[in-house]
Amino acid sequence: MQQTIPSSHNKGMKAIKQKDFKTALGYFKQSADYFTKYTWLDRYRSLTLLSASKMCYREMALCNIAFCYVQTMEAEKAKTLYEQILKEYPDNGIAYYSLNSINTFSDKAN
């Protein structure tokens, strides 16, 4: 179960390692959709998926989607998604610092 349920997440990570961000985006969207639908699996991931991660799979998927947006030069989509992540997960450091970076670079470009 540990490998089959988060398979989209794992495939997305593999695609990122290969720098295939468009493919990774699709996998992470599948993962986010899955864990949005089955929130109980994510909530009890330490038992159901044997994952001790502080960050839930849905949160990870959303961060990875935003990261892929940055890599594919879609900064506005990334910015919007990072803002959404911070509304749902206010303590998410990845979204906080990534959003600050996007804002800093966009301010310098203007």
N, C-alpha and C. Protein backbone atom coordinates (compact mmCIF):
# COMPACT_ATOMS: atom_id res chain seq x y z
N MET A 1 0.83 -1.19 0.00
CA MET A 1 0.00 0.00 0.00
C MET A 1 0.87 1.25 0.00
N GLN A 2 2.03 1.16 0.67
CA GLN A 2 2.92 2.32 0.76
C GLN A 2 3.40 2.77 -0.62
N GLN A 3 3.54 1.86 -1.57
CA GLN A 3 4.03 2.22 -2.90
C GLN A 3 2.90 2.46 -3.90
N THR A 4 1.78 1.76 -3.76
CA THR A 4 0.74 1.86 -4.77
C THR A 4 -0.11 3.12 -4.64
N ILE A 5 -0.46 3.51 -3.44
CA ILE A 5 -1.33 4.68 -3.27
C ILE A 5 -0.65 5.98 -3.68
N PRO A 6 0.57 6.25 -3.21
CA PRO A 6 1.22 7.49 -3.66
C PRO A 6 2.01 7.31 -4.96
N SER A 7 1.57 6.42 -5.84
CA SER A 7 2.34 6.15 -7.06
C SER A 7 2.46 7.38 -7.95
N SER A 8 1.41 8.19 -8.05
CA SER A 8 1.50 9.41 -8.86
C SER A 8 2.56 10.35 -8.28
N HIS A 9 2.60 10.44 -6.97
CA HIS A 9 3.60 11.28 -6.30
C HIS A 9 5.01 10.78 -6.64
N ASN A 10 5.20 9.46 -6.53
CA ASN A 10 6.51 8.88 -6.81
C ASN A 10 6.92 9.08 -8.27
N LYS A 11 5.97 8.93 -9.18
CA LYS A 11 6.26 9.15 -10.61
C LYS A 11 6.59 10.62 -10.87
N GLY A 12 5.91 11.51 -10.17
CA GLY A 12 6.20 12.94 -10.30
C GLY A 12 7.60 13.27 -9.83
N MET A 13 8.01 12.67 -8.73
CA MET A 13 9.37 12.90 -8.21
C MET A 13 10.41 12.38 -9.20
N LYS A 14 10.12 11.24 -9.79
CA LYS A 14 11.05 10.67 -10.79
C LYS A 14 11.16 11.60 -11.99
N ALA A 15 10.03 12.16 -12.44
CA ALA A 15 10.03 13.09 -13.58
C ALA A 15 10.81 14.37 -13.24
N ILE A 16 10.68 14.85 -12.01
CA ILE A 16 11.45 16.04 -11.60
C ILE A 16 12.95 15.75 -11.67
N LYS A 17 13.35 14.58 -11.18
CA LYS A 17 14.78 14.22 -11.23
C LYS A 17 15.30 14.19 -12.65
N GLN A 18 14.41 13.88 -13.60
CA GLN A 18 14.79 13.85 -15.01
C GLN A 18 14.57 15.21 -15.68
N LYS A 19 14.18 16.20 -14.88
CA LYS A 19 13.90 17.57 -15.35
C LYS A 19 12.78 17.62 -16.39
N ASP A 20 11.85 16.69 -16.26
CA ASP A 20 10.67 16.65 -17.14
C ASP A 20 9.50 17.24 -16.34
N PHE A 21 9.49 18.55 -16.23
CA PHE A 21 8.56 19.24 -15.34
C PHE A 21 7.11 19.19 -15.83
N LYS A 22 6.90 19.16 -17.12
CA LYS A 22 5.52 19.08 -17.63
C LYS A 22 4.89 17.73 -17.30
N THR A 23 5.65 16.66 -17.43
CA THR A 23 5.16 15.34 -17.05
C THR A 23 4.93 15.28 -15.54
N ALA A 24 5.86 15.82 -14.78
CA ALA A 24 5.75 15.83 -13.32
C ALA A 24 4.48 16.56 -12.89
N LEU A 25 4.18 17.65 -13.56
CA LEU A 25 2.99 18.44 -13.25
C LEU A 25 1.73 17.57 -13.30
N GLY A 26 1.60 16.77 -14.33
CA GLY A 26 0.44 15.90 -14.46
C GLY A 26 0.35 14.89 -13.33
N TYR A 27 1.48 14.30 -12.98
CA TYR A 27 1.48 13.32 -11.89
C TYR A 27 1.12 13.97 -10.55
N PHE A 28 1.66 15.15 -10.29
CA PHE A 28 1.37 15.81 -9.02
C PHE A 28 -0.09 16.28 -8.95
N LYS A 29 -0.65 16.66 -10.10
CA LYS A 29 -2.08 17.01 -10.12
C LYS A 29 -2.93 15.79 -9.79
N GLN A 30 -2.55 14.62 -10.33
CA GLN A 30 -3.26 13.37 -10.01
C GLN A 30 -3.17 13.08 -8.52
N SER A 31 -1.97 13.25 -7.98
CA SER A 31 -1.76 13.00 -6.55
C SER A 31 -2.59 13.93 -5.69
N ALA A 32 -2.58 15.22 -6.03
CA ALA A 32 -3.37 16.20 -5.26
C ALA A 32 -4.85 15.87 -5.33
N ASP A 33 -5.33 15.51 -6.52
CA ASP A 33 -6.74 15.14 -6.67
C ASP A 33 -7.08 13.92 -5.84
N TYR A 34 -6.21 12.91 -5.87
CA TYR A 34 -6.44 11.68 -5.12
C TYR A 34 -6.54 11.96 -3.62
N PHE A 35 -5.57 12.70 -3.10
CA PHE A 35 -5.56 12.95 -1.66
C PHE A 35 -6.57 14.02 -1.24
N THR A 36 -7.11 14.76 -2.18
CA THR A 36 -8.24 15.65 -1.89
C THR A 36 -9.49 14.80 -1.73
N LYS A 37 -9.62 13.80 -2.56
CA LYS A 37 -10.77 12.91 -2.51
C LYS A 37 -10.72 11.98 -1.30
N TYR A 38 -9.54 11.49 -0.98
CA TYR A 38 -9.38 10.54 0.14
C TYR A 38 -8.56 11.17 1.26
N THR A 39 -9.11 12.22 1.84
CA THR A 39 -8.38 12.96 2.88
C THR A 39 -8.04 12.08 4.08
N TRP A 40 -8.88 11.10 4.37
CA TRP A 40 -8.63 10.24 5.53
C TRP A 40 -7.33 9.44 5.36
N LEU A 41 -7.02 9.05 4.13
CA LEU A 41 -5.76 8.33 3.89
C LEU A 41 -4.57 9.20 4.22
N ASP A 42 -4.66 10.45 3.81
CA ASP A 42 -3.59 11.40 4.06
C ASP A 42 -3.51 11.76 5.54
N ARG A 43 -4.66 11.94 6.16
CA ARG A 43 -4.70 12.32 7.57
C ARG A 43 -4.06 11.24 8.45
N TYR A 44 -4.29 9.98 8.09
CA TYR A 44 -3.75 8.86 8.87
C TYR A 44 -2.60 8.19 8.15
N ARG A 45 -1.79 8.97 7.41
CA ARG A 45 -0.73 8.43 6.58
C ARG A 45 0.32 7.66 7.36
N SER A 46 0.48 7.98 8.63
CA SER A 46 1.47 7.23 9.42
C SER A 46 1.05 5.77 9.56
N LEU A 47 -0.26 5.53 9.57
CA LEU A 47 -0.77 4.15 9.66
C LEU A 47 -1.05 3.55 8.29
N THR A 48 -1.68 4.31 7.42
CA THR A 48 -2.10 3.76 6.12
C THR A 48 -0.96 3.67 5.13
N LEU A 49 -0.02 4.62 5.18
CA LEU A 49 1.06 4.66 4.19
C LEU A 49 2.44 4.51 4.83
N LEU A 50 2.46 4.35 6.15
CA LEU A 50 3.71 4.24 6.91
C LEU A 50 4.62 5.43 6.64
N SER A 51 4.02 6.60 6.58
CA SER A 51 4.76 7.84 6.32
C SER A 51 4.76 8.70 7.58
N ALA A 52 5.96 9.03 8.04
CA ALA A 52 6.08 9.87 9.23
C ALA A 52 6.28 11.34 8.87
N SER A 53 6.09 11.66 7.60
CA SER A 53 6.29 13.03 7.13
C SER A 53 5.35 14.00 7.83
N LYS A 54 5.88 15.15 8.21
CA LYS A 54 5.05 16.18 8.83
C LYS A 54 4.08 16.76 7.80
N MET A 55 4.54 16.86 6.56
CA MET A 55 3.73 17.42 5.49
C MET A 55 2.88 16.30 4.86
N CYS A 56 1.60 16.57 4.68
CA CYS A 56 0.73 15.56 4.08
C CYS A 56 0.99 15.49 2.57
N TYR A 57 0.56 14.39 1.96
CA TYR A 57 0.79 14.19 0.53
C TYR A 57 0.13 15.27 -0.32
N ARG A 58 -1.05 15.71 0.06
CA ARG A 58 -1.72 16.75 -0.71
C ARG A 58 -0.91 18.04 -0.69
N GLU A 59 -0.44 18.41 0.48
CA GLU A 59 0.37 19.61 0.64
C GLU A 59 1.66 19.49 -0.19
N MET A 60 2.29 18.32 -0.13
CA MET A 60 3.50 18.10 -0.93
C MET A 60 3.20 18.22 -2.42
N ALA A 61 2.08 17.62 -2.84
CA ALA A 61 1.71 17.67 -4.26
C ALA A 61 1.50 19.10 -4.72
N LEU A 62 0.80 19.90 -3.91
CA LEU A 62 0.56 21.30 -4.28
C LEU A 62 1.87 22.08 -4.38
N CYS A 63 2.77 21.86 -3.45
CA CYS A 63 4.08 22.53 -3.50
C CYS A 63 4.86 22.11 -4.74
N ASN A 64 4.78 20.83 -5.07
CA ASN A 64 5.49 20.34 -6.25
C ASN A 64 4.88 20.87 -7.54
N ILE A 65 3.57 21.02 -7.57
CA ILE A 65 2.92 21.62 -8.74
C ILE A 65 3.41 23.05 -8.92
N ALA A 66 3.42 23.81 -7.84
CA ALA A 66 3.89 25.20 -7.91
C ALA A 66 5.36 25.25 -8.35
N PHE A 67 6.17 24.34 -7.83
CA PHE A 67 7.58 24.28 -8.24
C PHE A 67 7.70 24.02 -9.74
N CYS A 68 6.89 23.10 -10.25
CA CYS A 68 6.90 22.79 -11.68
C CYS A 68 6.46 24.00 -12.50
N TYR A 69 5.51 24.76 -11.98
CA TYR A 69 5.09 25.99 -12.67
C TYR A 69 6.26 26.96 -12.79
N VAL A 70 7.03 27.09 -11.72
CA VAL A 70 8.20 27.98 -11.76
C VAL A 70 9.18 27.48 -12.82
N GLN A 71 9.41 26.18 -12.83
CA GLN A 71 10.38 25.61 -13.77
C GLN A 71 9.92 25.71 -15.23
N THR A 72 8.62 25.79 -15.45
CA THR A 72 8.09 25.90 -16.81
C THR A 72 7.74 27.36 -17.16
N MET A 73 8.30 28.28 -16.37
CA MET A 73 8.16 29.72 -16.62
C MET A 73 6.72 30.21 -16.48
N GLU A 74 5.96 29.61 -15.59
CA GLU A 74 4.58 30.04 -15.33
C GLU A 74 4.51 30.60 -13.90
N ALA A 75 5.25 31.68 -13.69
CA ALA A 75 5.40 32.25 -12.35
C ALA A 75 4.07 32.71 -11.75
N GLU A 76 3.18 33.25 -12.56
CA GLU A 76 1.90 33.71 -12.02
C GLU A 76 1.06 32.56 -11.48
N LYS A 77 1.07 31.44 -12.18
CA LYS A 77 0.36 30.26 -11.69
C LYS A 77 0.99 29.77 -10.39
N ALA A 78 2.31 29.78 -10.35
CA ALA A 78 3.03 29.36 -9.14
C ALA A 78 2.68 30.27 -7.97
N LYS A 79 2.71 31.57 -8.23
CA LYS A 79 2.40 32.55 -7.18
C LYS A 79 1.00 32.35 -6.63
N THR A 80 0.03 32.17 -7.51
CA THR A 80 -1.35 31.94 -7.08
C THR A 80 -1.47 30.67 -6.25
N LEU A 81 -0.79 29.62 -6.69
CA LEU A 81 -0.86 28.35 -5.96
C LEU A 81 -0.15 28.44 -4.61
N TYR A 82 1.00 29.09 -4.56
CA TYR A 82 1.69 29.26 -3.28
C TYR A 82 0.81 30.05 -2.30
N GLU A 83 0.10 31.05 -2.80
CA GLU A 83 -0.82 31.81 -1.94
C GLU A 83 -1.94 30.91 -1.42
N GLN A 84 -2.47 30.04 -2.28
CA GLN A 84 -3.51 29.09 -1.86
C GLN A 84 -2.96 28.13 -0.81
N ILE A 85 -1.75 27.65 -1.03
CA ILE A 85 -1.13 26.72 -0.07
C ILE A 85 -1.02 27.39 1.30
N LEU A 86 -0.60 28.64 1.32
CA LEU A 86 -0.44 29.34 2.60
C LEU A 86 -1.78 29.58 3.30
N LYS A 87 -2.86 29.69 2.53
CA LYS A 87 -4.18 29.82 3.16
C LYS A 87 -4.58 28.51 3.83
N GLU A 88 -4.30 27.39 3.17
CA GLU A 88 -4.66 26.08 3.70
C GLU A 88 -3.66 25.57 4.73
N TYR A 89 -2.39 25.87 4.50
CA TYR A 89 -1.31 25.38 5.37
C TYR A 89 -0.41 26.56 5.75
N PRO A 90 -0.85 27.38 6.69
CA PRO A 90 -0.14 28.64 7.00
C PRO A 90 1.31 28.46 7.47
N ASP A 91 1.67 27.29 7.93
CA ASP A 91 3.04 27.07 8.41
C ASP A 91 3.96 26.49 7.34
N ASN A 92 3.52 26.47 6.08
CA ASN A 92 4.32 25.86 5.03
C ASN A 92 5.46 26.79 4.64
N GLY A 93 6.66 26.42 5.07
CA GLY A 93 7.85 27.22 4.79
C GLY A 93 8.23 27.24 3.32
N ILE A 94 8.00 26.13 2.62
CA ILE A 94 8.33 26.07 1.20
C ILE A 94 7.52 27.13 0.44
N ALA A 95 6.24 27.17 0.68
CA ALA A 95 5.38 28.14 -0.01
C ALA A 95 5.75 29.56 0.38
N TYR A 96 6.01 29.77 1.66
CA TYR A 96 6.35 31.12 2.15
C TYR A 96 7.61 31.65 1.47
N TYR A 97 8.68 30.88 1.50
CA TYR A 97 9.94 31.35 0.93
C TYR A 97 9.91 31.40 -0.59
N SER A 98 9.21 30.46 -1.20
CA SER A 98 9.09 30.48 -2.67
C SER A 98 8.30 31.68 -3.14
N LEU A 99 7.23 31.99 -2.44
CA LEU A 99 6.42 33.16 -2.78
C LEU A 99 7.24 34.44 -2.62
N ASN A 100 8.02 34.52 -1.55
CA ASN A 100 8.89 35.69 -1.36
C ASN A 100 9.88 35.82 -2.50
N SER A 101 10.43 34.71 -2.95
CA SER A 101 11.39 34.74 -4.07
C SER A 101 10.72 35.23 -5.35
N ILE A 102 9.54 34.71 -5.63
CA ILE A 102 8.81 35.13 -6.82
C ILE A 102 8.52 36.62 -6.76
N ASN A 103 8.05 37.07 -5.60
CA ASN A 103 7.74 38.50 -5.44
C ASN A 103 8.99 39.37 -5.58
N THR A 104 10.09 38.92 -5.03
CA THR A 104 11.34 39.67 -5.12
C THR A 104 11.80 39.80 -6.57
N PHE A 105 11.78 38.68 -7.29
CA PHE A 105 12.22 38.71 -8.68
C PHE A 105 11.28 39.49 -9.57
N SER A 106 9.98 39.40 -9.30
CA SER A 106 9.02 40.16 -10.13
C SER A 106 9.12 41.65 -9.84
N ASP A 107 9.45 42.02 -8.58
CA ASP A 107 9.64 43.44 -8.26
C ASP A 107 10.89 43.99 -8.96
N LYS A 108 11.93 43.19 -9.04
CA LYS A 108 13.16 43.63 -9.71
C LYS A 108 12.98 43.75 -11.21
N ALA A 109 12.10 42.92 -11.76
CA ALA A 109 11.85 42.94 -13.21
C ALA A 109 11.03 44.16 -13.63
N ASN A 110 10.26 44.71 -12.69
CA ASN A 110 9.40 45.87 -13.02
C ASN A 110 10.10 47.18 -12.83
